[in-house]
Amino acid sequence: AGGSTTYADSVKGRFSISRNKSKNTVHL
């Protein structure tokens, strides 16, 4: 909820997660 992110080692540097709280969506 605070925006901290964690990634699997296999996707670090290639994938990015984000969320839009106002639209209730999360993206990868």
mmCIF file of all heavy atoms, coordinates in Angstrom:
data_MODEL
# 
_entry.id   MODEL 
# 
loop_
_atom_site.group_PDB 
_atom_site.id 
_atom_site.type_symbol 
_atom_site.label_atom_id 
_atom_site.label_alt_id 
_atom_site.label_comp_id 
_atom_site.label_asym_id 
_atom_site.label_entity_id 
_atom_site.label_seq_id 
_atom_site.pdbx_PDB_ins_code 
_atom_site.Cartn_x 
_atom_site.Cartn_y 
_atom_site.Cartn_z 
_atom_site.occupancy 
_atom_site.B_iso_or_equiv 
_atom_site.pdbx_formal_charge 
_atom_site.auth_seq_id 
_atom_site.auth_comp_id 
_atom_site.auth_asym_id 
_atom_site.auth_atom_id 
_atom_site.pdbx_PDB_model_num 
ATOM 1   N N   . ALA A 1 1  ? 0.823   -1.202  0.000   1.00 0.00 ? 1  ALA A N   1 
ATOM 2   C CA  . ALA A 1 1  ? 0.000   0.000   0.000   1.00 0.00 ? 1  ALA A CA  1 
ATOM 3   C C   . ALA A 1 1  ? 0.864   1.261   0.000   1.00 0.00 ? 1  ALA A C   1 
ATOM 4   O O   . ALA A 1 1  ? 0.465   2.292   -0.549  1.00 0.00 ? 1  ALA A O   1 
ATOM 5   C CB  . ALA A 1 1  ? -0.932  -0.012  1.213   1.00 0.00 ? 1  ALA A CB  1 
ATOM 6   N N   . GLY A 1 2  ? 2.046   1.147   0.593   1.00 0.00 ? 2  GLY A N   1 
ATOM 7   C CA  . GLY A 1 2  ? 2.944   2.293   0.628   1.00 0.00 ? 2  GLY A CA  1 
ATOM 8   C C   . GLY A 1 2  ? 3.800   2.459   -0.602  1.00 0.00 ? 2  GLY A C   1 
ATOM 9   O O   . GLY A 1 2  ? 4.559   3.430   -0.717  1.00 0.00 ? 2  GLY A O   1 
ATOM 10  N N   . GLY A 1 3  ? 3.687   1.504   -1.536  1.00 0.00 ? 3  GLY A N   1 
ATOM 11  C CA  . GLY A 1 3  ? 4.431   1.618   -2.780  1.00 0.00 ? 3  GLY A CA  1 
ATOM 12  C C   . GLY A 1 3  ? 5.743   0.854   -2.838  1.00 0.00 ? 3  GLY A C   1 
ATOM 13  O O   . GLY A 1 3  ? 6.444   0.903   -3.850  1.00 0.00 ? 3  GLY A O   1 
ATOM 14  N N   . SER A 1 4  ? 6.081   0.124   -1.774  1.00 0.00 ? 4  SER A N   1 
ATOM 15  C CA  . SER A 1 4  ? 7.308   -0.678  -1.807  1.00 0.00 ? 4  SER A CA  1 
ATOM 16  C C   . SER A 1 4  ? 7.109   -1.880  -2.722  1.00 0.00 ? 4  SER A C   1 
ATOM 17  O O   . SER A 1 4  ? 6.050   -2.504  -2.723  1.00 0.00 ? 4  SER A O   1 
ATOM 18  C CB  . SER A 1 4  ? 7.653   -1.154  -0.401  1.00 0.00 ? 4  SER A CB  1 
ATOM 19  O OG  . SER A 1 4  ? 7.918   -0.058  0.451   1.00 0.00 ? 4  SER A OG  1 
ATOM 20  N N   . THR A 1 5  ? 8.150   -2.199  -3.481  1.00 0.00 ? 5  THR A N   1 
ATOM 21  C CA  . THR A 1 5  ? 8.055   -3.285  -4.455  1.00 0.00 ? 5  THR A CA  1 
ATOM 22  C C   . THR A 1 5  ? 9.076   -4.370  -4.177  1.00 0.00 ? 5  THR A C   1 
ATOM 23  O O   . THR A 1 5  ? 10.160  -4.110  -3.629  1.00 0.00 ? 5  THR A O   1 
ATOM 24  C CB  . THR A 1 5  ? 8.249   -2.765  -5.883  1.00 0.00 ? 5  THR A CB  1 
ATOM 25  O OG1 . THR A 1 5  ? 9.524   -2.101  -5.975  1.00 0.00 ? 5  THR A OG1 1 
ATOM 26  C CG2 . THR A 1 5  ? 7.148   -1.784  -6.265  1.00 0.00 ? 5  THR A CG2 1 
ATOM 27  N N   . THR A 1 6  ? 8.720   -5.577  -4.563  1.00 0.00 ? 6  THR A N   1 
ATOM 28  C CA  . THR A 1 6  ? 9.591   -6.739  -4.454  1.00 0.00 ? 6  THR A CA  1 
ATOM 29  C C   . THR A 1 6  ? 9.471   -7.532  -5.745  1.00 0.00 ? 6  THR A C   1 
ATOM 30  O O   . THR A 1 6  ? 8.363   -7.662  -6.280  1.00 0.00 ? 6  THR A O   1 
ATOM 31  C CB  . THR A 1 6  ? 9.188   -7.632  -3.266  1.00 0.00 ? 6  THR A CB  1 
ATOM 32  O OG1 . THR A 1 6  ? 9.166   -6.852  -2.066  1.00 0.00 ? 6  THR A OG1 1 
ATOM 33  C CG2 . THR A 1 6  ? 10.155  -8.784  -3.097  1.00 0.00 ? 6  THR A CG2 1 
ATOM 34  N N   . TYR A 1 7  ? 10.599  -8.063  -6.224  1.00 0.00 ? 7  TYR A N   1 
ATOM 35  C CA  . TYR A 1 7  ? 10.593  -8.825  -7.474  1.00 0.00 ? 7  TYR A CA  1 
ATOM 36  C C   . TYR A 1 7  ? 11.316  -10.162 -7.288  1.00 0.00 ? 7  TYR A C   1 
ATOM 37  O O   . TYR A 1 7  ? 12.274  -10.268 -6.521  1.00 0.00 ? 7  TYR A O   1 
ATOM 38  C CB  . TYR A 1 7  ? 11.295  -8.046  -8.580  1.00 0.00 ? 7  TYR A CB  1 
ATOM 39  C CG  . TYR A 1 7  ? 10.599  -6.758  -8.952  1.00 0.00 ? 7  TYR A CG  1 
ATOM 40  C CD1 . TYR A 1 7  ? 10.968  -5.555  -8.349  1.00 0.00 ? 7  TYR A CD1 1 
ATOM 41  C CD2 . TYR A 1 7  ? 9.579   -6.746  -9.893  1.00 0.00 ? 7  TYR A CD2 1 
ATOM 42  C CE1 . TYR A 1 7  ? 10.322  -4.371  -8.676  1.00 0.00 ? 7  TYR A CE1 1 
ATOM 43  C CE2 . TYR A 1 7  ? 8.938   -5.564  -10.234 1.00 0.00 ? 7  TYR A CE2 1 
ATOM 44  C CZ  . TYR A 1 7  ? 9.306   -4.386  -9.621  1.00 0.00 ? 7  TYR A CZ  1 
ATOM 45  O OH  . TYR A 1 7  ? 8.672   -3.218  -9.956  1.00 0.00 ? 7  TYR A OH  1 
ATOM 46  N N   . ALA A 1 8  ? 10.865  -11.147 -8.044  1.00 0.00 ? 8  ALA A N   1 
ATOM 47  C CA  . ALA A 1 8  ? 11.614  -12.390 -8.120  1.00 0.00 ? 8  ALA A CA  1 
ATOM 48  C C   . ALA A 1 8  ? 12.946  -12.099 -8.797  1.00 0.00 ? 8  ALA A C   1 
ATOM 49  O O   . ALA A 1 8  ? 13.032  -11.251 -9.696  1.00 0.00 ? 8  ALA A O   1 
ATOM 50  C CB  . ALA A 1 8  ? 10.834  -13.424 -8.916  1.00 0.00 ? 8  ALA A CB  1 
ATOM 51  N N   . ASP A 1 9  ? 13.987  -12.815 -8.392  1.00 0.00 ? 9  ASP A N   1 
ATOM 52  C CA  . ASP A 1 9  ? 15.314  -12.588 -8.963  1.00 0.00 ? 9  ASP A CA  1 
ATOM 53  C C   . ASP A 1 9  ? 15.292  -12.748 -10.484 1.00 0.00 ? 9  ASP A C   1 
ATOM 54  O O   . ASP A 1 9  ? 16.002  -12.041 -11.200 1.00 0.00 ? 9  ASP A O   1 
ATOM 55  C CB  . ASP A 1 9  ? 16.323  -13.549 -8.354  1.00 0.00 ? 9  ASP A CB  1 
ATOM 56  C CG  . ASP A 1 9  ? 16.672  -13.199 -6.917  1.00 0.00 ? 9  ASP A CG  1 
ATOM 57  O OD1 . ASP A 1 9  ? 16.399  -12.060 -6.492  1.00 0.00 ? 9  ASP A OD1 1 
ATOM 58  O OD2 . ASP A 1 9  ? 17.212  -14.078 -6.216  1.00 0.00 ? 9  ASP A OD2 1 
ATOM 59  N N   . SER A 1 10 ? 14.470  -13.667 -10.967 1.00 0.00 ? 10 SER A N   1 
ATOM 60  C CA  . SER A 1 10 ? 14.466  -13.975 -12.395 1.00 0.00 ? 10 SER A CA  1 
ATOM 61  C C   . SER A 1 10 ? 13.892  -12.847 -13.255 1.00 0.00 ? 10 SER A C   1 
ATOM 62  O O   . SER A 1 10 ? 14.098  -12.848 -14.471 1.00 0.00 ? 10 SER A O   1 
ATOM 63  C CB  . SER A 1 10 ? 13.667  -15.260 -12.636 1.00 0.00 ? 10 SER A CB  1 
ATOM 64  O OG  . SER A 1 10 ? 12.333  -15.107 -12.188 1.00 0.00 ? 10 SER A OG  1 
ATOM 65  N N   . VAL A 1 11 ? 13.202  -11.883 -12.634 1.00 0.00 ? 11 VAL A N   1 
ATOM 66  C CA  . VAL A 1 11 ? 12.589  -10.810 -13.434 1.00 0.00 ? 11 VAL A CA  1 
ATOM 67  C C   . VAL A 1 11 ? 13.129  -9.431  -13.088 1.00 0.00 ? 11 VAL A C   1 
ATOM 68  O O   . VAL A 1 11 ? 12.742  -8.437  -13.715 1.00 0.00 ? 11 VAL A O   1 
ATOM 69  C CB  . VAL A 1 11 ? 11.048  -10.817 -13.285 1.00 0.00 ? 11 VAL A CB  1 
ATOM 70  C CG1 . VAL A 1 11 ? 10.484  -12.188 -13.596 1.00 0.00 ? 11 VAL A CG1 1 
ATOM 71  C CG2 . VAL A 1 11 ? 10.624  -10.348 -11.903 1.00 0.00 ? 11 VAL A CG2 1 
ATOM 72  N N   . LYS A 1 12 ? 14.004  -9.355  -12.104 1.00 0.00 ? 12 LYS A N   1 
ATOM 73  C CA  . LYS A 1 12 ? 14.564  -8.064  -11.710 1.00 0.00 ? 12 LYS A CA  1 
ATOM 74  C C   . LYS A 1 12 ? 15.226  -7.373  -12.890 1.00 0.00 ? 12 LYS A C   1 
ATOM 75  O O   . LYS A 1 12 ? 15.969  -7.999  -13.642 1.00 0.00 ? 12 LYS A O   1 
ATOM 76  C CB  . LYS A 1 12 ? 15.580  -8.237  -10.582 1.00 0.00 ? 12 LYS A CB  1 
ATOM 77  C CG  . LYS A 1 12 ? 14.959  -8.450  -9.222  1.00 0.00 ? 12 LYS A CG  1 
ATOM 78  C CD  . LYS A 1 12 ? 16.021  -8.604  -8.143  1.00 0.00 ? 12 LYS A CD  1 
ATOM 79  C CE  . LYS A 1 12 ? 15.392  -8.825  -6.785  1.00 0.00 ? 12 LYS A CE  1 
ATOM 80  N NZ  . LYS A 1 12 ? 16.426  -9.055  -5.729  1.00 0.00 ? 12 LYS A NZ  1 
ATOM 81  N N   . GLY A 1 13 ? 14.928  -6.088  -13.043 1.00 0.00 ? 13 GLY A N   1 
ATOM 82  C CA  . GLY A 1 13 ? 15.497  -5.307  -14.126 1.00 0.00 ? 13 GLY A CA  1 
ATOM 83  C C   . GLY A 1 13 ? 14.731  -5.416  -15.436 1.00 0.00 ? 13 GLY A C   1 
ATOM 84  O O   . GLY A 1 13 ? 14.998  -4.661  -16.371 1.00 0.00 ? 13 GLY A O   1 
ATOM 85  N N   . ARG A 1 14 ? 13.775  -6.360  -15.495 1.00 0.00 ? 14 ARG A N   1 
ATOM 86  C CA  . ARG A 1 14 ? 12.996  -6.530  -16.729 1.00 0.00 ? 14 ARG A CA  1 
ATOM 87  C C   . ARG A 1 14 ? 11.506  -6.221  -16.523 1.00 0.00 ? 14 ARG A C   1 
ATOM 88  O O   . ARG A 1 14 ? 10.853  -5.723  -17.430 1.00 0.00 ? 14 ARG A O   1 
ATOM 89  C CB  . ARG A 1 14 ? 13.125  -7.970  -17.239 1.00 0.00 ? 14 ARG A CB  1 
ATOM 90  C CG  . ARG A 1 14 ? 14.544  -8.381  -17.556 1.00 0.00 ? 14 ARG A CG  1 
ATOM 91  C CD  . ARG A 1 14 ? 14.586  -9.763  -18.241 1.00 0.00 ? 14 ARG A CD  1 
ATOM 92  N NE  . ARG A 1 14 ? 14.071  -10.827 -17.394 1.00 0.00 ? 14 ARG A NE  1 
ATOM 93  C CZ  . ARG A 1 14 ? 13.052  -11.617 -17.731 1.00 0.00 ? 14 ARG A CZ  1 
ATOM 94  N NH1 . ARG A 1 14 ? 12.421  -11.442 -18.879 1.00 0.00 ? 14 ARG A NH1 1 
ATOM 95  N NH2 . ARG A 1 14 ? 12.649  -12.577 -16.898 1.00 0.00 ? 14 ARG A NH2 1 
ATOM 96  N N   . PHE A 1 15 ? 11.006  -6.537  -15.338 1.00 0.00 ? 15 PHE A N   1 
ATOM 97  C CA  . PHE A 1 15 ? 9.587   -6.334  -15.038 1.00 0.00 ? 15 PHE A CA  1 
ATOM 98  C C   . PHE A 1 15 ? 9.424   -5.173  -14.064 1.00 0.00 ? 15 PHE A C   1 
ATOM 99  O O   . PHE A 1 15 ? 10.302  -4.918  -13.230 1.00 0.00 ? 15 PHE A O   1 
ATOM 100 C CB  . PHE A 1 15 ? 8.979   -7.582  -14.401 1.00 0.00 ? 15 PHE A CB  1 
ATOM 101 C CG  . PHE A 1 15 ? 8.826   -8.765  -15.322 1.00 0.00 ? 15 PHE A CG  1 
ATOM 102 C CD1 . PHE A 1 15 ? 9.441   -8.813  -16.564 1.00 0.00 ? 15 PHE A CD1 1 
ATOM 103 C CD2 . PHE A 1 15 ? 8.068   -9.851  -14.921 1.00 0.00 ? 15 PHE A CD2 1 
ATOM 104 C CE1 . PHE A 1 15 ? 9.294   -9.905  -17.400 1.00 0.00 ? 15 PHE A CE1 1 
ATOM 105 C CE2 . PHE A 1 15 ? 7.909   -10.954 -15.744 1.00 0.00 ? 15 PHE A CE2 1 
ATOM 106 C CZ  . PHE A 1 15 ? 8.534   -10.984 -16.984 1.00 0.00 ? 15 PHE A CZ  1 
ATOM 107 N N   . SER A 1 16 ? 8.268   -4.521  -14.153 1.00 0.00 ? 16 SER A N   1 
ATOM 108 C CA  . SER A 1 16 ? 7.964   -3.424  -13.238 1.00 0.00 ? 16 SER A CA  1 
ATOM 109 C C   . SER A 1 16 ? 6.485   -3.469  -12.862 1.00 0.00 ? 16 SER A C   1 
ATOM 110 O O   . SER A 1 16 ? 5.621   -3.504  -13.735 1.00 0.00 ? 16 SER A O   1 
ATOM 111 C CB  . SER A 1 16 ? 8.300   -2.082  -13.900 1.00 0.00 ? 16 SER A CB  1 
ATOM 112 O OG  . SER A 1 16 ? 7.966   -1.009  -13.050 1.00 0.00 ? 16 SER A OG  1 
ATOM 113 N N   . ILE A 1 17 ? 6.232   -3.455  -11.553 1.00 0.00 ? 17 ILE A N   1 
ATOM 114 C CA  . ILE A 1 17 ? 4.850   -3.465  -11.058 1.00 0.00 ? 17 ILE A CA  1 
ATOM 115 C C   . ILE A 1 17 ? 4.465   -2.066  -10.621 1.00 0.00 ? 17 ILE A C   1 
ATOM 116 O O   . ILE A 1 17 ? 5.295   -1.323  -10.059 1.00 0.00 ? 17 ILE A O   1 
ATOM 117 C CB  . ILE A 1 17 ? 4.686   -4.483  -9.898  1.00 0.00 ? 17 ILE A CB  1 
ATOM 118 C CG1 . ILE A 1 17 ? 3.215   -4.647  -9.524  1.00 0.00 ? 17 ILE A CG1 1 
ATOM 119 C CG2 . ILE A 1 17 ? 5.527   -4.090  -8.697  1.00 0.00 ? 17 ILE A CG2 1 
ATOM 120 C CD1 . ILE A 1 17 ? 2.957   -5.802  -8.556  1.00 0.00 ? 17 ILE A CD1 1 
ATOM 121 N N   . SER A 1 18 ? 3.224   -1.691  -10.892 1.00 0.00 ? 18 SER A N   1 
ATOM 122 C CA  . SER A 1 18 ? 2.725   -0.384  -10.473 1.00 0.00 ? 18 SER A CA  1 
ATOM 123 C C   . SER A 1 18 ? 1.239   -0.492  -10.159 1.00 0.00 ? 18 SER A C   1 
ATOM 124 O O   . SER A 1 18 ? 0.584   -1.448  -10.578 1.00 0.00 ? 18 SER A O   1 
ATOM 125 C CB  . SER A 1 18 ? 2.966   0.661   -11.567 1.00 0.00 ? 18 SER A CB  1 
ATOM 126 O OG  . SER A 1 18 ? 2.278   0.309   -12.759 1.00 0.00 ? 18 SER A OG  1 
ATOM 127 N N   . ARG A 1 19 ? 0.722   0.476   -9.422  1.00 0.00 ? 19 ARG A N   1 
ATOM 128 C CA  . ARG A 1 19 ? -0.700  0.449   -9.105  1.00 0.00 ? 19 ARG A CA  1 
ATOM 129 C C   . ARG A 1 19 ? -1.277  1.848   -9.228  1.00 0.00 ? 19 ARG A C   1 
ATOM 130 O O   . ARG A 1 19 ? -0.588  2.845   -8.988  1.00 0.00 ? 19 ARG A O   1 
ATOM 131 C CB  . ARG A 1 19 ? -0.939  -0.116  -7.708  1.00 0.00 ? 19 ARG A CB  1 
ATOM 132 C CG  . ARG A 1 19 ? -0.370  0.692   -6.578  1.00 0.00 ? 19 ARG A CG  1 
ATOM 133 C CD  . ARG A 1 19 ? -0.496  -0.034  -5.241  1.00 0.00 ? 19 ARG A CD  1 
ATOM 134 N NE  . ARG A 1 19 ? -1.872  -0.264  -4.839  1.00 0.00 ? 19 ARG A NE  1 
ATOM 135 C CZ  . ARG A 1 19 ? -2.223  -0.861  -3.701  1.00 0.00 ? 19 ARG A CZ  1 
ATOM 136 N NH1 . ARG A 1 19 ? -1.290  -1.305  -2.876  1.00 0.00 ? 19 ARG A NH1 1 
ATOM 137 N NH2 . ARG A 1 19 ? -3.492  -1.028  -3.394  1.00 0.00 ? 19 ARG A NH2 1 
ATOM 138 N N   . ASN A 1 20 ? -2.525  1.911   -9.617  1.00 0.00 ? 20 ASN A N   1 
ATOM 139 C CA  . ASN A 1 20 ? -3.262  3.155   -9.696  1.00 0.00 ? 20 ASN A CA  1 
ATOM 140 C C   . ASN A 1 20 ? -4.399  3.049   -8.692  1.00 0.00 ? 20 ASN A C   1 
ATOM 141 O O   . ASN A 1 20 ? -5.412  2.401   -8.949  1.00 0.00 ? 20 ASN A O   1 
ATOM 142 C CB  . ASN A 1 20 ? -3.795  3.374   -11.115 1.00 0.00 ? 20 ASN A CB  1 
ATOM 143 C CG  . ASN A 1 20 ? -4.456  4.719   -11.292 1.00 0.00 ? 20 ASN A CG  1 
ATOM 144 O OD1 . ASN A 1 20 ? -5.106  5.224   -10.383 1.00 0.00 ? 20 ASN A OD1 1 
ATOM 145 N ND2 . ASN A 1 20 ? -4.277  5.315   -12.449 1.00 0.00 ? 20 ASN A ND2 1 
ATOM 146 N N   . LYS A 1 21 ? -4.212  3.659   -7.537  1.00 0.00 ? 21 LYS A N   1 
ATOM 147 C CA  . LYS A 1 21 ? -5.180  3.510   -6.465  1.00 0.00 ? 21 LYS A CA  1 
ATOM 148 C C   . LYS A 1 21 ? -6.533  4.102   -6.836  1.00 0.00 ? 21 LYS A C   1 
ATOM 149 O O   . LYS A 1 21 ? -7.581  3.560   -6.483  1.00 0.00 ? 21 LYS A O   1 
ATOM 150 C CB  . LYS A 1 21 ? -4.643  4.146   -5.182  1.00 0.00 ? 21 LYS A CB  1 
ATOM 151 C CG  . LYS A 1 21 ? -3.456  3.416   -4.580  1.00 0.00 ? 21 LYS A CG  1 
ATOM 152 C CD  . LYS A 1 21 ? -3.049  4.043   -3.261  1.00 0.00 ? 21 LYS A CD  1 
ATOM 153 C CE  . LYS A 1 21 ? -1.881  3.306   -2.632  1.00 0.00 ? 21 LYS A CE  1 
ATOM 154 N NZ  . LYS A 1 21 ? -1.467  3.912   -1.352  1.00 0.00 ? 21 LYS A NZ  1 
ATOM 155 N N   . SER A 1 22 ? -6.525  5.204   -7.559  1.00 0.00 ? 22 SER A N   1 
ATOM 156 C CA  . SER A 1 22 ? -7.793  5.857   -7.889  1.00 0.00 ? 22 SER A CA  1 
ATOM 157 C C   . SER A 1 22 ? -8.617  5.013   -8.864  1.00 0.00 ? 22 SER A C   1 
ATOM 158 O O   . SER A 1 22 ? -9.845  5.072   -8.869  1.00 0.00 ? 22 SER A O   1 
ATOM 159 C CB  . SER A 1 22 ? -7.544  7.250   -8.465  1.00 0.00 ? 22 SER A CB  1 
ATOM 160 O OG  . SER A 1 22 ? -6.828  7.173   -9.678  1.00 0.00 ? 22 SER A OG  1 
ATOM 161 N N   . LYS A 1 23 ? -7.918  4.204   -9.687  1.00 0.00 ? 23 LYS A N   1 
ATOM 162 C CA  . LYS A 1 23 ? -8.614  3.379   -10.666 1.00 0.00 ? 23 LYS A CA  1 
ATOM 163 C C   . LYS A 1 23 ? -8.706  1.920   -10.226 1.00 0.00 ? 23 LYS A C   1 
ATOM 164 O O   . LYS A 1 23 ? -9.222  1.083   -10.962 1.00 0.00 ? 23 LYS A O   1 
ATOM 165 C CB  . LYS A 1 23 ? -7.916  3.468   -12.022 1.00 0.00 ? 23 LYS A CB  1 
ATOM 166 C CG  . LYS A 1 23 ? -7.977  4.852   -12.655 1.00 0.00 ? 23 LYS A CG  1 
ATOM 167 C CD  . LYS A 1 23 ? -7.327  4.859   -14.035 1.00 0.00 ? 23 LYS A CD  1 
ATOM 168 C CE  . LYS A 1 23 ? -7.412  6.235   -14.675 1.00 0.00 ? 23 LYS A CE  1 
ATOM 169 N NZ  . LYS A 1 23 ? -6.787  6.251   -16.030 1.00 0.00 ? 23 LYS A NZ  1 
ATOM 170 N N   . ASN A 1 24 ? -8.177  1.620   -9.032  1.00 0.00 ? 24 ASN A N   1 
ATOM 171 C CA  . ASN A 1 24 ? -8.215  0.243   -8.533  1.00 0.00 ? 24 ASN A CA  1 
ATOM 172 C C   . ASN A 1 24 ? -7.615  -0.748  -9.528  1.00 0.00 ? 24 ASN A C   1 
ATOM 173 O O   . ASN A 1 24 ? -8.209  -1.788  -9.834  1.00 0.00 ? 24 ASN A O   1 
ATOM 174 C CB  . ASN A 1 24 ? -9.647  -0.187  -8.188  1.00 0.00 ? 24 ASN A CB  1 
ATOM 175 C CG  . ASN A 1 24 ? -10.138 0.440   -6.909  1.00 0.00 ? 24 ASN A CG  1 
ATOM 176 O OD1 . ASN A 1 24 ? -9.355  0.790   -6.035  1.00 0.00 ? 24 ASN A OD1 1 
ATOM 177 N ND2 . ASN A 1 24 ? -11.437 0.600   -6.782  1.00 0.00 ? 24 ASN A ND2 1 
ATOM 178 N N   . THR A 1 25 ? -6.468  -0.392  -10.055 1.00 0.00 ? 25 THR A N   1 
ATOM 179 C CA  . THR A 1 25 ? -5.790  -1.290  -10.994 1.00 0.00 ? 25 THR A CA  1 
ATOM 180 C C   . THR A 1 25 ? -4.334  -1.490  -10.589 1.00 0.00 ? 25 THR A C   1 
ATOM 181 O O   . THR A 1 25 ? -3.732  -0.638  -9.923  1.00 0.00 ? 25 THR A O   1 
ATOM 182 C CB  . THR A 1 25 ? -5.817  -0.730  -12.427 1.00 0.00 ? 25 THR A CB  1 
ATOM 183 O OG1 . THR A 1 25 ? -5.242  0.588   -12.426 1.00 0.00 ? 25 THR A OG1 1 
ATOM 184 C CG2 . THR A 1 25 ? -7.231  -0.654  -12.970 1.00 0.00 ? 25 THR A CG2 1 
ATOM 185 N N   . VAL A 1 26 ? -3.801  -2.616  -10.977 1.00 0.00 ? 26 VAL A N   1 
ATOM 186 C CA  . VAL A 1 26 ? -2.372  -2.897  -10.809 1.00 0.00 ? 26 VAL A CA  1 
ATOM 187 C C   . VAL A 1 26 ? -1.860  -3.412  -12.150 1.00 0.00 ? 26 VAL A C   1 
ATOM 188 O O   . VAL A 1 26 ? -2.570  -4.127  -12.870 1.00 0.00 ? 26 VAL A O   1 
ATOM 189 C CB  . VAL A 1 26 ? -2.125  -3.909  -9.666  1.00 0.00 ? 26 VAL A CB  1 
ATOM 190 C CG1 . VAL A 1 26 ? -2.770  -5.258  -9.972  1.00 0.00 ? 26 VAL A CG1 1 
ATOM 191 C CG2 . VAL A 1 26 ? -0.642  -4.059  -9.397  1.00 0.00 ? 26 VAL A CG2 1 
ATOM 192 N N   . HIS A 1 27 ? -0.642  -3.016  -12.490 1.00 0.00 ? 27 HIS A N   1 
ATOM 193 C CA  . HIS A 1 27 ? -0.087  -3.353  -13.786 1.00 0.00 ? 27 HIS A CA  1 
ATOM 194 C C   . HIS A 1 27 ? 1.254   -4.062  -13.622 1.00 0.00 ? 27 HIS A C   1 
ATOM 195 O O   . HIS A 1 27 ? 1.949   -3.861  -12.626 1.00 0.00 ? 27 HIS A O   1 
ATOM 196 C CB  . HIS A 1 27 ? 0.105   -2.085  -14.621 1.00 0.00 ? 27 HIS A CB  1 
ATOM 197 C CG  . HIS A 1 27 ? -1.135  -1.275  -14.783 1.00 0.00 ? 27 HIS A CG  1 
ATOM 198 N ND1 . HIS A 1 27 ? -2.138  -1.628  -15.653 1.00 0.00 ? 27 HIS A ND1 1 
ATOM 199 C CD2 . HIS A 1 27 ? -1.550  -0.145  -14.160 1.00 0.00 ? 27 HIS A CD2 1 
ATOM 200 C CE1 . HIS A 1 27 ? -3.116  -0.727  -15.574 1.00 0.00 ? 27 HIS A CE1 1 
ATOM 201 N NE2 . HIS A 1 27 ? -2.782  0.179   -14.672 1.00 0.00 ? 27 HIS A NE2 1 
ATOM 202 N N   . LEU A 1 28 ? 1.594   -4.850  -14.624 1.00 0.00 ? 28 LEU A N   1 
ATOM 203 C CA  . LEU A 1 28 ? 2.910   -5.480  -14.670 1.00 0.00 ? 28 LEU A CA  1 
ATOM 204 C C   . LEU A 1 28 ? 3.480   -5.236  -16.063 1.00 0.00 ? 28 LEU A C   1 
ATOM 205 O O   . LEU A 1 28 ? 2.994   -5.806  -17.046 1.00 0.00 ? 28 LEU A O   1 
ATOM 206 C CB  . LEU A 1 28 ? 2.825   -6.977  -14.385 1.00 0.00 ? 28 LEU A CB  1 
ATOM 207 C CG  . LEU A 1 28 ? 4.167   -7.695  -14.307 1.00 0.00 ? 28 LEU A CG  1 
ATOM 208 C CD1 . LEU A 1 28 ? 4.948   -7.239  -13.061 1.00 0.00 ? 28 LEU A CD1 1 
ATOM 209 C CD2 . LEU A 1 28 ? 3.975   -9.214  -14.277 1.00 0.00 ? 28 LEU A CD2 1 
# 
